[in-house]
Protein backbone atom coordinates (compact mmCIF):
# COMPACT_ATOMS: atom_id res chain seq x y z
CA MET A 1 10.42 -39.86 -115.13
CA LYS A 2 12.71 -42.84 -114.75
CA THR A 3 15.04 -43.24 -111.83
CA ALA A 4 18.79 -43.43 -112.31
CA ALA A 5 18.73 -47.15 -111.48
CA GLU A 6 16.08 -47.85 -114.15
CA THR A 7 18.02 -45.88 -116.73
CA ALA A 8 21.24 -47.66 -115.73
CA ARG A 9 19.57 -51.08 -116.07
CA ARG A 10 18.30 -50.18 -119.54
CA LEU A 11 21.72 -48.89 -120.60
CA LEU A 12 23.41 -51.93 -119.11
CA GLY A 13 21.13 -54.22 -121.13
CA THR A 14 22.05 -52.30 -124.26
CA LEU A 15 25.74 -52.55 -123.41
CA GLU A 16 25.40 -56.29 -122.81
CA ARG A 17 23.97 -56.68 -126.33
CA PHE A 18 26.87 -54.64 -127.73
CA VAL A 19 29.41 -56.85 -125.94
CA VAL A 20 27.73 -60.00 -127.30
CA GLN A 21 27.79 -58.54 -130.83
CA GLU A 22 31.42 -57.58 -130.36
CA SER A 23 32.31 -61.12 -129.29
CA ILE A 24 30.48 -62.70 -132.24
CA LEU A 25 32.14 -60.35 -134.72
CA LEU A 26 35.55 -60.92 -133.14
CA HIS A 27 35.33 -64.68 -133.46
CA ALA A 28 34.07 -64.35 -137.04
CA GLY A 29 37.01 -62.10 -137.92
CA HIS A 30 34.88 -59.06 -138.81
CA TYR A 31 37.15 -56.51 -137.15
CA SER A 32 35.87 -53.38 -138.89
CA GLN A 33 32.29 -54.21 -137.94
CA MET A 34 33.47 -54.89 -134.41
CA ALA A 35 35.06 -51.44 -134.29
CA ALA A 36 31.74 -49.95 -135.43
CA VAL A 37 29.96 -51.71 -132.55
CA GLN A 38 32.57 -50.34 -130.14
CA ARG A 39 31.95 -46.81 -131.44
CA ARG A 40 28.21 -47.28 -130.94
CA ALA A 41 28.82 -48.55 -127.39
CA ALA A 42 30.98 -45.56 -126.38
CA PRO A 43 28.07 -43.16 -125.58
CA VAL A 44 26.31 -45.90 -123.61
CA ILE A 45 29.45 -46.43 -121.53
CA ALA A 46 29.79 -42.68 -120.98
CA SER A 47 26.16 -42.45 -119.79
CA LEU A 48 26.65 -45.40 -117.44
CA CYS A 49 29.74 -43.76 -115.98
CA GLN A 50 27.76 -40.62 -115.23
CA LEU A 51 25.03 -42.66 -113.53
CA GLY A 52 27.58 -44.69 -111.54
CA ALA A 53 27.78 -42.06 -108.82
CA ASP A 54 24.12 -42.60 -107.93
CA PRO A 55 23.68 -44.89 -104.88
CA GLY A 56 20.82 -46.81 -106.54
CA VAL A 57 23.06 -47.83 -109.41
CA ALA A 58 25.64 -49.48 -107.15
CA ALA A 59 23.43 -52.58 -106.98
CA LEU A 60 24.28 -53.29 -110.63
CA GLY A 61 27.93 -53.86 -109.77
CA GLU A 62 27.85 -57.62 -110.47
CA ARG A 63 26.47 -57.14 -113.98
CA VAL A 64 29.05 -54.45 -114.65
CA ALA A 65 31.84 -56.73 -113.37
CA ALA A 66 30.65 -59.58 -115.63
CA LEU A 67 30.61 -57.21 -118.61
CA LEU A 68 34.09 -55.95 -117.82
CA ALA A 69 35.39 -59.52 -117.64
CA ARG A 70 33.86 -60.37 -121.01
CA ARG A 71 35.21 -57.15 -122.50
CA ARG A 72 38.71 -57.96 -121.18
CA GLN A 73 38.43 -61.39 -122.77
CA ASN A 74 37.49 -59.83 -126.12
CA LEU A 75 40.36 -57.36 -125.86
CA SER A 76 42.85 -60.10 -125.03
CA CYS A 77 41.68 -62.02 -128.12
CA ILE A 78 42.25 -58.89 -130.20
CA ALA A 79 45.72 -58.47 -128.69
CA ALA A 80 46.57 -62.10 -129.46
CA ARG A 81 45.37 -61.66 -133.03
CA CYS A 82 47.46 -58.48 -133.39
CA ASP A 83 50.53 -60.32 -132.10
CA PHE A 84 49.95 -63.15 -134.58
CA LEU A 85 49.49 -60.74 -137.48
CA ARG A 86 52.60 -58.76 -136.45
CA THR A 87 54.64 -61.99 -136.42
CA GLU A 88 53.30 -62.98 -139.83
CA ARG A 89 54.03 -59.51 -141.23
CA ASP A 90 57.62 -59.75 -139.98
CA ARG A 91 57.98 -63.23 -141.48
CA VAL A 92 56.69 -62.05 -144.87
CA SER A 93 58.92 -58.98 -144.73
CA ALA A 94 61.98 -61.15 -144.05
CA GLY A 95 61.00 -63.38 -146.98
CA ARG A 96 60.73 -60.36 -149.28
CA GLN A 97 64.16 -59.17 -148.22
CA ARG A 98 65.65 -62.59 -148.98
CA LEU A 99 63.91 -62.58 -152.35
CA ARG A 100 65.27 -59.08 -153.19
CA ARG A 101 68.79 -60.23 -152.38
CA LEU A 102 68.35 -63.28 -154.58
CA VAL A 103 66.98 -61.21 -157.46
CA SER A 104 69.84 -58.70 -157.20
CA TYR A 105 72.34 -61.58 -157.15
CA ARG A 106 70.87 -63.12 -160.30
CA SER A 107 70.55 -59.84 -162.16
CA ALA A 108 74.23 -58.93 -161.68
CA PRO A 109 76.16 -57.89 -164.84
CA ALA A 110 76.88 -60.81 -167.12
CA GLY A 111 80.63 -60.43 -167.70
CA LYS A 112 81.79 -63.84 -166.64
CA PRO A 113 79.50 -66.61 -165.63
CA ARG A 114 79.47 -67.05 -161.89
CA LEU A 115 79.36 -70.79 -162.06
CA ALA A 116 80.99 -72.56 -164.95
CA ALA A 117 80.16 -76.16 -165.46
CA THR A 118 81.66 -78.28 -168.19
CA VAL A 119 79.83 -81.18 -169.60
């Protein structure tokens, strides 16, 4: 039977691979695949949390800290991308509103011409 520290090292190695995959997918713009990797990593994280109370696992603290830092970096990249996309969505929405106003102005009833130019 494996000790808690051995199991934690194995799980930590698996989690490190997940974080690397997550980073690669993030920078490639494959967000749905990245979310799938995060879902696959969730049980590994839960198992590591349960093993964290064991005194033999405390020695892995540096690896865990490095993973957390990389994960925070990935999450800040996602947040920046969300902010950018939100700004772009607002810009496009404002453009659509301007276009609707222009279309409604041009499709007004044609009683008298709005602008009369004589040549």
